[in-house]
Protein backbone atom coordinates (compact mmCIF):
# COMPACT_ATOMS: atom_id res chain seq x y z
CA MET A 1 -38.89 50.87 37.32
CA GLY A 2 -40.11 50.45 33.74
CA LYS A 3 -38.10 48.90 30.95
CA LYS A 4 -36.38 50.83 28.18
CA ILE A 5 -36.16 49.59 24.61
CA GLY A 6 -34.15 51.11 21.80
CA ILE A 7 -35.29 51.45 18.19
CA ILE A 8 -32.73 52.11 15.44
CA THR A 9 -34.08 53.29 12.10
CA ILE A 10 -31.78 53.38 9.07
CA GLY A 11 -33.09 56.87 8.26
CA GLN A 12 -33.79 59.59 10.80
CA SER A 13 -35.62 59.40 14.10
CA PRO A 14 -38.25 59.68 15.38
CA ARG A 15 -40.40 57.48 13.15
CA MET A 16 -43.71 59.19 13.81
CA ASP A 17 -45.27 57.39 10.84
CA VAL A 18 -45.07 53.93 12.45
CA VAL A 19 -43.64 53.77 15.97
CA PRO A 20 -46.62 55.45 17.74
CA GLU A 21 -48.94 52.69 16.51
CA MET A 22 -46.46 50.04 17.73
CA THR A 23 -45.90 51.33 21.25
CA PRO A 24 -49.32 50.34 22.69
CA PHE A 25 -48.24 46.70 22.32
CA PHE A 26 -45.22 47.36 24.58
CA GLY A 27 -47.25 48.36 27.62
CA GLY A 28 -47.38 51.63 29.56
CA HIS A 29 -44.31 50.76 31.62
CA VAL A 30 -41.93 50.80 28.62
CA GLU A 31 -39.86 53.81 27.58
CA VAL A 32 -38.91 53.93 23.90
CA LEU A 33 -35.61 55.50 22.85
CA GLU A 34 -35.30 56.12 19.10
CA VAL A 35 -32.05 56.64 17.20
CA GLY A 36 -31.54 57.06 13.46
CA ALA A 37 -28.50 56.05 11.45
CA MET A 38 -28.89 59.32 9.52
CA ASP A 39 -29.51 61.51 12.58
CA GLY A 40 -27.48 64.71 12.47
CA LEU A 41 -27.11 64.71 8.69
CA THR A 42 -28.70 67.01 6.14
CA LEU A 43 -30.46 65.60 3.10
CA ALA A 44 -27.46 66.57 0.99
CA GLN A 45 -25.10 64.73 3.34
CA THR A 46 -27.14 61.52 3.13
CA ARG A 47 -26.36 61.30 -0.58
CA ALA A 48 -22.94 59.96 0.38
CA TYR A 49 -24.75 56.86 1.64
CA ARG A 50 -26.68 56.17 -1.56
CA PRO A 51 -26.18 52.68 -3.06
CA GLU A 52 -23.56 52.03 -5.70
CA ALA A 53 -23.48 49.11 -8.13
CA GLY A 54 -23.81 45.77 -6.37
CA MET A 55 -24.83 47.23 -3.02
CA THR A 56 -27.99 46.41 -1.05
CA HIS A 57 -30.71 49.05 -1.48
CA LEU A 58 -32.69 50.09 1.60
CA ALA A 59 -35.50 52.64 1.69
CA SER A 60 -36.16 54.95 4.62
CA ARG A 61 -37.09 58.55 5.36
CA MET A 62 -35.79 61.75 6.85
CA ARG A 63 -37.41 63.31 9.90
CA ASP A 64 -39.57 65.49 7.66
CA GLY A 65 -40.84 62.48 5.69
CA THR A 66 -38.57 62.83 2.65
CA GLU A 67 -37.78 59.42 1.16
CA ILE A 68 -34.13 58.39 0.91
CA LEU A 69 -32.29 55.37 -0.51
CA ILE A 70 -29.39 54.03 1.52
CA ALA A 71 -26.77 51.33 0.94
CA LYS A 72 -26.74 48.83 3.78
CA GLU A 73 -23.01 48.37 3.36
CA LYS A 74 -22.38 52.10 3.97
CA ILE A 75 -24.31 52.48 7.23
CA LEU A 76 -23.17 49.47 9.27
CA THR A 77 -20.68 51.58 11.22
CA ARG A 78 -23.37 54.16 12.04
CA ILE A 79 -25.76 51.40 13.16
CA GLU A 80 -23.05 49.91 15.36
CA ARG A 81 -22.50 53.34 16.91
CA ALA A 82 -26.25 53.59 17.61
CA VAL A 83 -26.20 50.14 19.24
CA ASN A 84 -23.35 51.27 21.48
CA ASP A 85 -25.18 54.47 22.42
CA LEU A 86 -28.33 52.59 23.37
CA ASN A 87 -26.35 50.06 25.40
CA GLN A 88 -24.88 52.97 27.35
CA GLN A 89 -28.46 54.00 28.17
CA ASN A 90 -29.15 50.52 29.59
CA VAL A 91 -31.97 49.51 27.27
CA SER A 92 -33.45 46.04 27.74
CA LEU A 93 -33.48 45.27 24.02
CA ILE A 94 -32.87 46.92 20.67
CA LEU A 95 -35.04 46.74 17.55
CA LEU A 96 -33.42 47.27 14.17
CA PHE A 97 -36.20 49.09 12.35
CA CYS A 98 -35.61 47.49 8.96
CA VAL A 99 -36.49 44.27 7.17
CA GLY A 100 -33.12 42.97 6.04
CA VAL A 101 -30.22 40.71 6.98
CA PHE A 102 -27.60 42.42 9.14
CA PRO A 103 -24.33 41.28 10.71
CA LYS A 104 -24.20 40.59 14.43
CA PHE A 105 -23.49 43.83 16.25
CA PRO A 106 -21.76 43.72 19.66
CA SER A 107 -24.39 44.38 22.31
CA ARG A 108 -25.03 43.67 25.97
CA CYS A 109 -28.75 43.24 25.24
CA LEU A 110 -30.85 41.37 22.70
CA ILE A 111 -31.03 42.85 19.18
CA VAL A 112 -34.28 42.04 17.37
CA GLU A 113 -34.16 41.76 13.56
CA PRO A 114 -37.65 42.00 11.98
CA GLN A 115 -36.88 39.80 9.00
CA ARG A 116 -36.22 36.80 11.24
CA ILE A 117 -39.65 37.21 12.84
CA VAL A 118 -41.57 37.82 9.61
CA ASP A 119 -39.91 35.05 7.61
CA HIS A 120 -40.58 32.43 10.27
CA CYS A 121 -44.18 33.55 10.62
CA VAL A 122 -44.79 33.25 6.88
CA LYS A 123 -43.14 29.84 6.81
CA SER A 124 -45.48 28.65 9.56
CA LEU A 125 -48.59 29.85 7.72
CA ILE A 126 -48.21 28.68 4.11
CA SER A 127 -47.02 25.67 2.15
CA GLU A 128 -45.48 25.23 -1.29
CA ASP A 129 -48.99 24.96 -2.75
CA ASP A 130 -49.98 28.44 -1.57
CA HIS A 131 -49.59 31.66 -3.54
CA LEU A 132 -47.65 34.31 -1.61
CA GLY A 133 -47.91 38.03 -2.39
CA ILE A 134 -45.07 40.28 -1.26
CA LEU A 135 -45.17 44.07 -1.18
CA ILE A 136 -41.78 45.78 -1.04
CA PRO A 137 -40.91 49.51 -1.06
CA ILE A 138 -38.52 49.57 -4.05
CA THR A 139 -37.98 47.37 -7.12
CA GLU A 140 -34.26 46.96 -6.33
CA GLN A 141 -35.19 44.58 -3.49
CA GLU A 142 -37.11 42.11 -5.65
CA ALA A 143 -34.23 39.71 -6.37
CA TRP A 144 -33.28 39.01 -2.76
CA VAL A 145 -36.92 38.90 -1.68
CA ARG A 146 -37.69 36.24 -4.29
CA GLU A 147 -34.62 34.28 -3.24
CA THR A 148 -35.78 34.42 0.37
CA PHE A 149 -39.33 33.20 -0.19
CA LEU A 150 -38.73 30.70 -2.98
CA LYS A 151 -37.48 28.47 -0.18
CA ILE A 152 -41.08 28.39 1.06
CA THR A 153 -43.19 28.38 -2.10
CA PRO A 154 -42.56 28.68 -5.86
CA ARG A 155 -45.81 30.60 -6.26
CA ILE A 156 -44.80 34.18 -5.60
CA THR A 157 -45.99 37.58 -6.79
CA VAL A 158 -43.76 40.52 -5.87
CA THR A 159 -44.75 44.14 -6.40
CA ASP A 160 -43.55 47.44 -5.00
CA ALA A 161 -45.00 50.65 -3.61
CA SER A 162 -43.21 53.22 -1.50
CA PRO A 163 -44.73 53.85 1.95
CA TYR A 164 -43.31 57.36 1.74
CA SER A 165 -44.93 58.65 -1.48
CA ASP A 166 -48.47 59.20 -2.74
CA ARG A 167 -51.08 56.45 -2.60
CA SER A 168 -51.25 55.87 -6.38
CA SER A 169 -48.41 53.35 -6.33
CA LEU A 170 -50.06 51.52 -3.43
CA ASP A 171 -53.36 51.31 -5.31
CA TRP A 172 -51.56 49.89 -8.34
CA ALA A 173 -49.68 47.35 -6.23
CA GLY A 174 -52.92 46.31 -4.54
CA ARG A 175 -54.54 45.64 -7.90
CA VAL A 176 -51.55 43.52 -8.96
CA LEU A 177 -51.89 41.42 -5.81
CA ARG A 178 -55.66 41.14 -6.21
CA GLU A 179 -55.33 39.89 -9.79
CA ALA A 180 -52.73 37.35 -8.66
CA ASN A 181 -55.31 35.94 -6.20
CA CYS A 182 -52.69 35.45 -3.47
CA ASP A 183 -53.49 33.31 -0.43
CA LEU A 184 -51.42 35.54 1.87
CA ILE A 185 -49.84 38.98 1.43
CA VAL A 186 -46.78 40.23 3.31
CA MET A 187 -46.01 43.94 3.55
CA TYR A 188 -42.26 43.44 3.71
CA CYS A 189 -41.01 46.76 5.05
CA MET A 190 -41.18 48.35 8.49
CA GLY A 191 -42.22 51.62 6.85
CA PHE A 192 -45.68 50.31 5.98
CA ASN A 193 -48.23 51.25 8.65
CA ARG A 194 -51.78 50.25 9.54
CA PRO A 195 -53.62 52.67 7.22
CA LEU A 196 -51.59 51.33 4.28
CA ALA A 197 -52.21 47.74 5.36
CA ASN A 198 -55.95 48.41 5.66
CA GLU A 199 -55.95 49.76 2.12
CA ILE A 200 -54.27 46.63 0.79
CA ARG A 201 -56.78 44.48 2.67
CA GLN A 202 -59.67 46.43 1.16
CA ILE A 203 -58.30 46.23 -2.38
CA THR A 204 -57.38 42.54 -2.30
CA GLY A 205 -59.82 41.02 0.18
CA LYS A 206 -56.96 38.81 1.36
CA PRO A 207 -55.19 38.26 4.70
CA VAL A 208 -52.25 40.62 5.16
CA ILE A 209 -49.21 40.47 7.43
CA LEU A 210 -47.98 43.94 8.37
CA SER A 211 -44.34 43.57 9.40
CA SER A 212 -44.35 46.45 11.89
CA SER A 213 -47.48 45.19 13.65
CA LEU A 214 -46.21 41.61 13.85
CA VAL A 215 -42.87 42.73 15.27
CA ALA A 216 -44.59 45.04 17.77
CA ARG A 217 -46.64 42.15 19.12
CA VAL A 218 -43.50 40.04 19.61
CA LEU A 219 -41.76 42.91 21.37
CA GLY A 220 -44.81 43.16 23.62
CA GLU A 221 -44.11 39.61 24.80
CA LEU A 222 -40.47 40.47 25.44
CA THR A 223 -41.30 43.59 27.45
CA SER A 224 -44.25 42.28 29.47
């Protein structure tokens, strides 16, 4: 019998923009069960989960591709409910489909947090003498992203471009990173996919870590 893994997005499922390009790394014997923290809600209803002053801003999308901003603090209960639901379906592991720091949710199986994987990978690749470029989806995340990576190198360039809007912001962000002459670029959001990563590589000519691809490869080891 094949394994089952659960994927919890902070927006709505399924994530047809990214998950299909991740699943080949899991192997043909793996069944993927997707759940969204915003599943069952209309766009108008999701506005109740928008960030207020001092809250952590997260970017995601509705099932139809509409971009939404969500406060991490407001959706923890809905994520915990999704974890419980997936545990009831006997998944082997659960992926939180978001780069961010989350509390420990009760679970019978392993919960994989992408930020832990990406941060440790970056730390293993660069030193304090290297220039790190970081691409985030929204400007509101810049402060905590800088705080995270200043522990690795003081040479940081952070820019933002939404993976859910037109390509003009991505082109602009790519030019910013190219002019900064970064040694390594991290696309620090699970919403960025391979076509977007390829565009950044073409614009900058630099090595790029795509968070979703890196995490997919690790999950492939866990499900093999």
